[in-house]
């Protein structure tokens, strides 16, 4: 079956050098990039199936919590679908997420933010997309946190996402923000995107239709792999 070709829109992706995001000055290349063909192992695996996902892996409210306890914070559902450039679902995609807790702190030894760790929150989960490309996670809304870009820089609430296809070379990494967060407009990382459409594509939308009354607010975040509507990815050249 032949399908149309949609060229990549460079305006939806940030340039490597964006001086407002200070670490990009040291990390951006100064010479033309060299394309290296992927190895056979990168093209042929790993692949993931239902046997690699344990029950509850997509429930961050329980997967690190002690019996009878739960994390502190605003309970949310983050859900959506992975689709290609023709809006067709992409089933069997491993979606992994990681995030800060409600106070804005990661469970990582290098995170020195003064907000406390939550003993009932690990901050990571994973799920496989179903036949319709759909995925869903239960979690808490992450808190904002300071970072050393300027003396008063704060990251908006965000969740990191990793997507695996059928080979390591297909892994894509992105992050989503939350609709209405005023810090998005002040974030040097978010503002590296040269077109507002790119930021819109990284923004989860409030979804009252999927919200569980008296339980959890739902946010919808759909991911498009290629084409004019492509979700911006951090590791796509």
Protein backbone atom coordinates (compact mmCIF):
# COMPACT_ATOMS: atom_id res chain seq x y z
CA UNK A 1 0.00 0.00 0.00
CA UNK A 2 1.44 3.34 -1.07
CA UNK A 3 0.94 6.32 1.24
CA UNK A 4 1.81 10.00 0.79
CA UNK A 5 5.20 11.28 1.91
CA UNK A 6 5.12 14.11 4.42
CA UNK A 7 8.42 15.95 4.73
CA UNK A 8 9.73 16.81 8.18
CA UNK A 9 9.00 20.39 9.19
CA UNK A 10 12.26 21.85 10.61
CA UNK A 11 10.36 24.72 12.22
CA UNK A 12 8.80 22.29 14.69
CA UNK A 13 12.18 21.23 16.11
CA UNK A 14 14.68 23.35 18.03
CA UNK A 15 18.08 24.22 16.58
CA UNK A 16 21.07 22.65 18.33
CA UNK A 17 22.42 26.04 19.42
CA UNK A 18 19.97 28.15 21.42
CA UNK A 19 21.97 30.52 23.66
CA UNK A 20 18.99 31.19 25.92
CA UNK A 21 19.29 27.55 26.98
CA UNK A 22 22.82 27.88 28.31
CA UNK A 23 24.00 24.27 28.23
CA UNK A 24 23.25 24.12 24.49
CA UNK A 25 26.21 26.46 23.92
CA UNK A 26 28.67 23.81 25.10
CA UNK A 27 26.75 20.81 23.76
CA UNK A 28 25.89 21.99 20.25
CA UNK A 29 28.16 20.83 17.38
CA UNK A 30 30.52 23.27 15.69
CA UNK A 31 31.11 21.12 12.59
CA UNK A 32 28.74 19.54 10.07
CA UNK A 33 27.04 16.41 11.34
CA UNK A 34 28.10 13.02 10.02
CA UNK A 35 25.42 10.43 9.36
CA UNK A 36 26.35 6.97 10.66
CA UNK A 37 24.35 3.98 9.48
CA UNK A 38 22.76 2.05 12.36
CA UNK A 39 24.17 -1.36 13.20
CA UNK A 40 22.30 -4.61 12.65
CA UNK A 41 21.62 -4.95 16.38
CA UNK A 42 20.13 -1.45 16.48
CA UNK A 43 17.79 -2.29 13.61
CA UNK A 44 16.62 -5.69 14.80
CA UNK A 45 15.88 -5.20 18.49
CA UNK A 46 14.99 -5.02 21.21
CA UNK A 47 11.28 -5.58 20.75
CA UNK A 48 8.78 -5.69 23.58
CA UNK A 49 5.56 -7.57 24.16
CA UNK A 50 2.95 -8.12 26.87
CA UNK A 51 5.27 -10.49 28.70
CA UNK A 52 7.65 -7.59 29.40
CA UNK A 53 4.99 -5.50 31.15
CA UNK A 54 3.94 -6.38 34.69
CA UNK A 55 0.44 -5.63 36.00
CA UNK A 56 0.41 -2.13 37.45
CA UNK A 57 3.51 -0.90 35.62
CA UNK A 58 1.42 1.99 34.26
CA UNK A 59 0.03 2.94 37.69
CA UNK A 60 2.48 5.28 39.42
CA UNK A 61 -0.03 5.73 42.24
CA UNK A 62 0.59 2.16 43.38
CA UNK A 63 3.75 0.75 41.74
CA UNK A 64 6.06 2.20 44.42
CA UNK A 65 3.60 2.77 47.25
CA UNK A 66 3.52 0.90 50.52
CA UNK A 67 0.45 -1.24 51.19
CA UNK A 68 -2.53 0.93 52.02
CA UNK A 69 -0.73 4.18 51.17
CA UNK A 70 -0.50 6.42 48.11
CA UNK A 71 1.62 9.34 46.84
CA UNK A 72 0.98 12.92 47.86
CA UNK A 73 -0.25 15.26 45.14
CA UNK A 74 -2.90 15.91 42.53
CA UNK A 75 -3.98 12.57 41.09
CA UNK A 76 -4.10 12.58 37.29
CA UNK A 77 -4.56 10.31 34.29
CA UNK A 78 -2.15 10.95 31.42
CA UNK A 79 -3.42 9.21 28.31
CA UNK A 80 -3.32 9.39 24.54
CA UNK A 81 -2.48 7.55 21.35
CA UNK A 82 0.61 6.99 19.23
CA UNK A 83 -0.11 7.57 15.52
CA UNK A 84 1.80 7.85 12.27
CA UNK A 85 1.66 10.74 9.79
CA UNK A 86 -1.57 9.41 8.30
CA UNK A 87 -3.32 9.26 11.69
CA UNK A 88 -3.12 5.46 11.77
CA UNK A 89 -2.61 3.88 15.22
CA UNK A 90 0.78 2.36 16.04
CA UNK A 91 0.15 -0.70 18.25
CA UNK A 92 2.74 -2.50 20.35
CA UNK A 93 4.80 0.61 21.14
CA UNK A 94 6.54 0.56 24.51
CA UNK A 95 5.83 3.91 26.19
CA UNK A 96 7.89 4.69 29.29
CA UNK A 97 7.49 7.78 31.46
CA UNK A 98 9.50 9.37 34.24
CA UNK A 99 8.82 12.53 36.23
CA UNK A 100 9.36 14.55 39.39
CA UNK A 101 7.02 14.10 42.33
CA UNK A 102 4.37 16.62 43.37
CA UNK A 103 7.03 18.70 45.12
CA UNK A 104 9.21 18.90 42.00
CA UNK A 105 11.88 16.39 43.01
CA UNK A 106 13.11 13.34 41.09
CA UNK A 107 14.03 10.08 42.77
CA UNK A 108 17.61 10.39 41.55
CA UNK A 109 20.83 10.66 43.55
CA UNK A 110 21.89 13.79 41.64
CA UNK A 111 18.69 15.70 42.37
CA UNK A 112 19.55 18.03 45.24
CA UNK A 113 16.37 20.13 45.26
CA UNK A 114 15.20 20.84 48.81
CA UNK A 115 11.70 19.42 48.21
CA UNK A 116 11.33 16.08 50.03
CA UNK A 117 11.16 12.70 48.38
CA UNK A 118 7.82 10.94 48.56
CA UNK A 119 8.32 7.42 49.97
CA UNK A 120 5.24 6.23 48.06
CA UNK A 121 6.24 7.58 44.65
CA UNK A 122 8.91 6.14 42.35
CA UNK A 123 8.29 8.46 39.43
CA UNK A 124 8.43 5.99 36.53
CA UNK A 125 6.13 3.62 34.67
CA UNK A 126 5.59 1.88 31.34
CA UNK A 127 2.84 0.59 29.09
CA UNK A 128 2.33 -0.98 25.66
CA UNK A 129 0.00 0.71 23.21
CA UNK A 130 -3.05 -1.39 22.33
CA UNK A 131 -4.47 -2.17 18.88
CA UNK A 132 -5.65 1.45 18.57
CA UNK A 133 -2.28 2.87 19.63
CA UNK A 134 -3.75 3.90 22.97
CA UNK A 135 -1.84 4.19 26.27
CA UNK A 136 -2.74 5.46 29.75
CA UNK A 137 -0.96 6.13 33.03
CA UNK A 138 -2.21 6.97 36.51
CA UNK A 139 0.15 9.28 38.36
CA UNK A 140 0.40 12.60 40.23
CA UNK A 141 0.89 15.92 38.53
CA UNK A 142 4.60 16.78 38.84
CA UNK A 143 5.67 19.97 40.55
CA UNK A 144 7.75 22.77 39.06
CA UNK A 145 11.38 22.97 40.13
CA UNK A 146 14.30 25.42 39.82
CA UNK A 147 17.26 24.81 37.55
CA UNK A 148 20.54 26.65 37.05
CA UNK A 149 19.95 28.32 33.70
CA UNK A 150 19.56 31.77 35.27
CA UNK A 151 19.31 32.81 38.94
CA UNK A 152 15.51 32.42 38.76
CA UNK A 153 14.76 29.71 36.17
CA UNK A 154 11.94 27.21 36.81
CA UNK A 155 10.89 24.21 34.77
CA UNK A 156 7.15 23.92 34.21
CA UNK A 157 5.37 20.76 35.31
CA UNK A 158 6.29 18.10 32.75
CA UNK A 159 6.48 14.36 32.14
CA UNK A 160 9.24 12.71 30.08
CA UNK A 161 8.26 10.00 27.59
CA UNK A 162 10.32 7.39 25.75
CA UNK A 163 8.92 5.37 22.82
CA UNK A 164 10.36 2.11 21.50
CA UNK A 165 9.38 0.61 18.16
CA UNK A 166 10.97 -2.65 17.02
CA UNK A 167 14.61 -1.56 17.19
CA UNK A 168 16.90 0.51 19.41
CA UNK A 169 17.52 2.93 16.55
CA UNK A 170 13.79 3.80 16.61
CA UNK A 171 13.74 5.01 20.21
CA UNK A 172 12.29 8.52 20.51
CA UNK A 173 12.27 10.78 23.57
CA UNK A 174 10.03 13.73 24.27
CA UNK A 175 8.24 15.46 27.14
CA UNK A 176 4.80 16.92 27.68
CA UNK A 177 3.66 20.02 29.51
CA UNK A 178 0.21 20.81 30.87
CA UNK A 179 -2.28 23.22 29.35
CA UNK A 180 -2.49 26.58 31.12
CA UNK A 181 0.88 26.41 32.91
CA UNK A 182 2.26 30.00 32.95
CA UNK A 183 5.84 28.73 33.34
CA UNK A 184 5.88 27.30 29.80
CA UNK A 185 6.30 30.79 28.35
CA UNK A 186 9.30 31.41 30.65
CA UNK A 187 11.07 28.07 30.20
CA UNK A 188 14.28 28.31 28.16
CA UNK A 189 13.98 24.67 27.11
CA UNK A 190 10.38 24.95 25.90
CA UNK A 191 11.18 28.22 24.15
CA UNK A 192 13.92 26.62 22.03
CA UNK A 193 11.07 25.53 19.77
CA UNK A 194 10.97 28.13 17.00
CA UNK A 195 7.26 27.72 16.20
CA UNK A 196 4.40 27.96 18.72
CA UNK A 197 2.87 24.89 17.04
CA UNK A 198 5.76 22.87 18.43
CA UNK A 199 4.95 23.91 21.99
CA UNK A 200 1.27 23.17 21.36
CA UNK A 201 2.23 19.67 20.20
CA UNK A 202 4.04 19.15 23.52
CA UNK A 203 1.11 20.32 25.65
CA UNK A 204 -1.31 17.87 27.23
CA UNK A 205 -4.93 19.08 27.13
CA UNK A 206 -7.44 18.89 29.94
CA UNK A 207 -9.84 16.02 29.16
CA UNK A 208 -12.89 16.19 31.39
CA UNK A 209 -14.55 13.38 29.43
CA UNK A 210 -11.91 10.95 30.71
CA UNK A 211 -11.66 12.41 34.21
CA UNK A 212 -12.70 10.13 37.08
CA UNK A 213 -15.03 12.14 39.36
CA UNK A 214 -13.71 12.49 42.91
CA UNK A 215 -10.57 10.60 41.88
CA UNK A 216 -8.28 11.87 39.10
CA UNK A 217 -8.19 14.64 36.48
CA UNK A 218 -7.41 13.42 32.95
CA UNK A 219 -5.00 15.02 30.49
CA UNK A 220 -4.79 13.97 26.83
CA UNK A 221 -1.41 13.82 25.08
CA UNK A 222 -1.29 12.30 21.57
CA UNK A 223 2.02 11.51 19.88
CA UNK A 224 2.58 11.73 16.11
CA UNK A 225 5.72 10.00 14.87
CA UNK A 226 6.34 11.73 11.53
CA UNK A 227 5.06 14.32 9.08
CA UNK A 228 3.80 17.88 9.34
CA UNK A 229 2.06 17.18 12.65
CA UNK A 230 5.06 15.38 14.13
CA UNK A 231 5.58 15.65 17.88
CA UNK A 232 8.94 17.33 18.57
CA UNK A 233 11.48 14.78 19.83
CA UNK A 234 14.62 15.60 21.79
CA UNK A 235 16.82 12.98 20.13
CA UNK A 236 15.76 13.29 16.50
CA UNK A 237 18.56 14.90 14.45
